[in-house]
Every structure is written in structure tokens, then in C-alpha cells.
C-alpha atoms as a PDB file:
ATOM      1  CA  UNK A   1       1.342  -4.776 -20.967  1.00  0.00           C
ATOM      2  CA  UNK A   2      -1.185  -7.465 -19.934  1.00  0.00           C
ATOM      3  CA  UNK A   3      -0.289  -8.692 -16.470  1.00  0.00           C
ATOM      4  CA  UNK A   4      -2.011 -11.532 -14.602  1.00  0.00           C
ATOM      5  CA  UNK A   5      -2.043 -11.665 -10.819  1.00  0.00           C
ATOM      6  CA  UNK A   6      -2.363 -14.622  -8.483  1.00  0.00           C
ATOM      7  CA  UNK A   7      -2.768 -14.372  -4.758  1.00  0.00           C
ATOM      8  CA  UNK A   8       0.044 -16.019  -2.822  1.00  0.00           C
ATOM      9  CA  UNK A   9       1.082 -16.318   0.797  1.00  0.00           C
ATOM     10  CA  UNK A  10       2.877 -12.963   1.128  1.00  0.00           C
ATOM     11  CA  UNK A  11       0.816 -10.928  -1.305  1.00  0.00           C
ATOM     12  CA  UNK A  12       0.539 -11.387  -5.066  1.00  0.00           C
ATOM     13  CA  UNK A  13       2.528 -12.865  -7.927  1.00  0.00           C
ATOM     14  CA  UNK A  14       2.334 -10.873 -11.179  1.00  0.00           C
ATOM     15  CA  UNK A  15       3.258 -12.381 -14.534  1.00  0.00           C
ATOM     16  CA  UNK A  16       3.380 -10.627 -17.860  1.00  0.00           C
ATOM     17  CA  UNK A  17       2.577 -12.353 -21.146  1.00  0.00           C
ATOM     18  CA  UNK A  18       6.240 -11.909 -22.169  1.00  0.00           C
ATOM     19  CA  UNK A  19       7.426 -13.946 -19.170  1.00  0.00           C
ATOM     20  CA  UNK A  20       8.390 -11.210 -16.693  1.00  0.00           C
ATOM     21  CA  UNK A  21       7.595 -11.979 -13.051  1.00  0.00           C
ATOM     22  CA  UNK A  22       7.158  -9.495 -10.218  1.00  0.00           C
ATOM     23  CA  UNK A  23       6.161 -10.011  -6.596  1.00  0.00           C
ATOM     24  CA  UNK A  24       3.816  -7.682  -4.757  1.00  0.00           C
ATOM     25  CA  UNK A  25       4.168  -7.847  -0.977  1.00  0.00           C
ATOM     26  CA  UNK A  26       2.349  -5.998   1.774  1.00  0.00           C
ATOM     27  CA  UNK A  27       4.276  -3.010   3.112  1.00  0.00           C
ATOM     28  CA  UNK A  28       4.029  -1.180   6.419  1.00  0.00           C
ATOM     29  CA  UNK A  29       2.866   2.397   5.899  1.00  0.00           C
ATOM     30  CA  UNK A  30       2.677   4.299   9.141  1.00  0.00           C
ATOM     31  CA  UNK A  31      -0.313   6.644   9.380  1.00  0.00           C
ATOM     32  CA  UNK A  32       1.505   8.852  11.928  1.00  0.00           C
ATOM     33  CA  UNK A  33       3.872  10.102   9.249  1.00  0.00           C
ATOM     34  CA  UNK A  34       1.374  10.531   6.400  1.00  0.00           C
ATOM     35  CA  UNK A  35      -2.253  11.072   7.309  1.00  0.00           C
ATOM     36  CA  UNK A  36      -4.869   9.283   5.229  1.00  0.00           C
ATOM     37  CA  UNK A  37      -2.586   6.465   4.183  1.00  0.00           C
ATOM     38  CA  UNK A  38      -4.059   3.016   3.843  1.00  0.00           C
ATOM     39  CA  UNK A  39      -2.597  -0.361   3.078  1.00  0.00           C
ATOM     40  CA  UNK A  40       0.468  -0.419   0.856  1.00  0.00           C
ATOM     41  CA  UNK A  41       2.348  -2.907  -1.286  1.00  0.00           C
ATOM     42  CA  UNK A  42       5.947  -3.082  -2.492  1.00  0.00           C
ATOM     43  CA  UNK A  43       6.564  -4.270  -6.052  1.00  0.00           C
ATOM     44  CA  UNK A  44       9.725  -6.399  -6.295  1.00  0.00           C
ATOM     45  CA  UNK A  45      11.440  -7.445  -9.498  1.00  0.00           C
ATOM     46  CA  UNK A  46      14.577  -9.592  -9.602  1.00  0.00           C
ATOM     47  CA  UNK A  47      14.936  -9.191  -5.839  1.00  0.00           C
ATOM     48  CA  UNK A  48      14.798  -5.373  -5.816  1.00  0.00           C
ATOM     49  CA  UNK A  49      11.917  -3.228  -4.594  1.00  0.00           C
ATOM     50  CA  UNK A  50      11.134  -1.042  -7.596  1.00  0.00           C
ATOM     51  CA  UNK A  51       7.886   0.675  -6.571  1.00  0.00           C
ATOM     52  CA  UNK A  52       5.349   1.173  -3.810  1.00  0.00           C
ATOM     53  CA  UNK A  53       1.600   1.071  -4.321  1.00  0.00           C
ATOM     54  CA  UNK A  54      -0.422   2.779  -1.608  1.00  0.00           C
ATOM     55  CA  UNK A  55      -4.185   2.919  -1.297  1.00  0.00           C
ATOM     56  CA  UNK A  56      -6.068   5.776   0.339  1.00  0.00           C
ATOM     57  CA  UNK A  57      -9.812   6.377   0.172  1.00  0.00           C
ATOM     58  CA  UNK A  58     -10.900   5.504  -3.397  1.00  0.00           C
ATOM     59  CA  UNK A  59      -7.573   5.896  -5.171  1.00  0.00           C
ATOM     60  CA  UNK A  60      -4.142   4.372  -5.519  1.00  0.00           C
ATOM     61  CA  UNK A  61      -0.718   5.983  -5.732  1.00  0.00           C
ATOM     62  CA  UNK A  62       2.211   4.333  -7.509  1.00  0.00           C
ATOM     63  CA  UNK A  63       5.631   5.640  -6.524  1.00  0.00           C
ATOM     64  CA  UNK A  64       8.569   4.175  -8.471  1.00  0.00           C
ATOM     65  CA  UNK A  65      11.859   3.915  -6.580  1.00  0.00           C
ATOM     66  CA  UNK A  66      15.279   4.753  -8.022  1.00  0.00           C
ATOM     67  CA  UNK A  67      15.903   1.034  -8.610  1.00  0.00           C
ATOM     68  CA  UNK A  68      13.093   1.023 -11.194  1.00  0.00           C
ATOM     69  CA  UNK A  69      15.349   2.885 -13.636  1.00  0.00           C
ATOM     70  CA  UNK A  70      17.622  -0.162 -13.762  1.00  0.00           C
ATOM     71  CA  UNK A  71      14.815  -2.259 -15.247  1.00  0.00           C
ATOM     72  CA  UNK A  72      13.408  -0.540 -18.360  1.00  0.00           C
ATOM     73  CA  UNK A  73      11.426  -3.675 -19.242  1.00  0.00           C
ATOM     74  CA  UNK A  74       8.888  -2.654 -16.566  1.00  0.00           C
ATOM     75  CA  UNK A  75       7.466   0.734 -17.481  1.00  0.00           C
ATOM     76  CA  UNK A  76       5.370   3.157 -15.456  1.00  0.00           C
ATOM     77  CA  UNK A  77       2.301   1.926 -17.342  1.00  0.00           C
ATOM     78  CA  UNK A  78       3.098  -1.623 -16.244  1.00  0.00           C
ATOM     79  CA  UNK A  79       3.210  -0.457 -12.623  1.00  0.00           C
ATOM     80  CA  UNK A  80      -0.130   1.319 -13.018  1.00  0.00           C
ATOM     81  CA  UNK A  81      -1.686  -1.819 -14.526  1.00  0.00           C
ATOM     82  CA  UNK A  82      -0.351  -3.908 -11.630  1.00  0.00           C
ATOM     83  CA  UNK A  83      -1.851  -1.396  -9.167  1.00  0.00           C
ATOM     84  CA  UNK A  84      -5.248  -1.618 -10.881  1.00  0.00           C
ATOM     85  CA  UNK A  85      -5.199  -5.407 -10.787  1.00  0.00           C
ATOM     86  CA  UNK A  86      -4.146  -5.457  -7.114  1.00  0.00           C
ATOM     87  CA  UNK A  87      -7.008  -3.080  -6.356  1.00  0.00           C
ATOM     88  CA  UNK A  88      -9.516  -5.391  -8.072  1.00  0.00           C
ATOM     89  CA  UNK A  89      -8.194  -8.466  -6.239  1.00  0.00           C
ATOM     90  CA  UNK A  90      -8.358  -6.633  -2.905  1.00  0.00           C
ATOM     91  CA  UNK A  91     -11.996  -5.697  -3.551  1.00  0.00           C
ATOM     92  CA  UNK A  92     -12.870  -9.272  -4.513  1.00  0.00           C
ATOM     93  CA  UNK A  93     -11.170 -10.663  -1.407  1.00  0.00           C
ATOM     94  CA  UNK A  94     -12.911  -8.234   0.939  1.00  0.00           C
ATOM     95  CA  UNK A  95     -16.287  -8.935  -0.713  1.00  0.00           C
ATOM     96  CA  UNK A  96     -15.763 -12.672  -0.217  1.00  0.00           C
ATOM     97  CA  UNK A  97     -15.035 -12.156   3.479  1.00  0.00           C
ATOM     98  CA  UNK A  98     -18.203 -10.128   4.057  1.00  0.00           C
END
């Protein structure tokens, strides 16, 4: 597993030690449809959105899309690790602003 994240213009760039690269971009999650939803991110790999990470209260939810099955090199554990790292970067960014 072992992903590293860098903040970029649209969101985050995730790179794995094996050379895989995924992009994490901010997604619009409308609170009218799902109460308690916070900010969300789409995980893209090779140009396809493969998962959505949504944050609500103190937790995160990772929902893989059907396209994720086409890329077995990124497992569910990889997506969870990416979500944890995004969460840490978000906390660091908000702490720096305050």
C-alpha cells in the first residue's frame, strides 16, 4: 500500500511506491439529498472516477464505483488509505488557516 499525497490545484495527487498515480478532486455532494453529508472527493485513476470519499462529522465513507472493478491494482484497502491521508491533509490545511 503506502501512498503519498501532494496538494495540487484541483485537490490532491496520490502516488504509490509502485508507481501508480491517482487524482483526488473535490466533488459536489448536495446536502438536500443526503442529510449530514460534508465535503466529498472523487478518486480518479487513468481518467476514470473509481471511488468517492465523503466526510461527515468525524468519519469518512469510501464508496467504490463499478469502474473500480476494472482496475484490480487499486484495492479497497488502497482507497481506505487514500481517504485517511486526505483526511490528515484536510486537518493540517484547516489548522494552518486558523
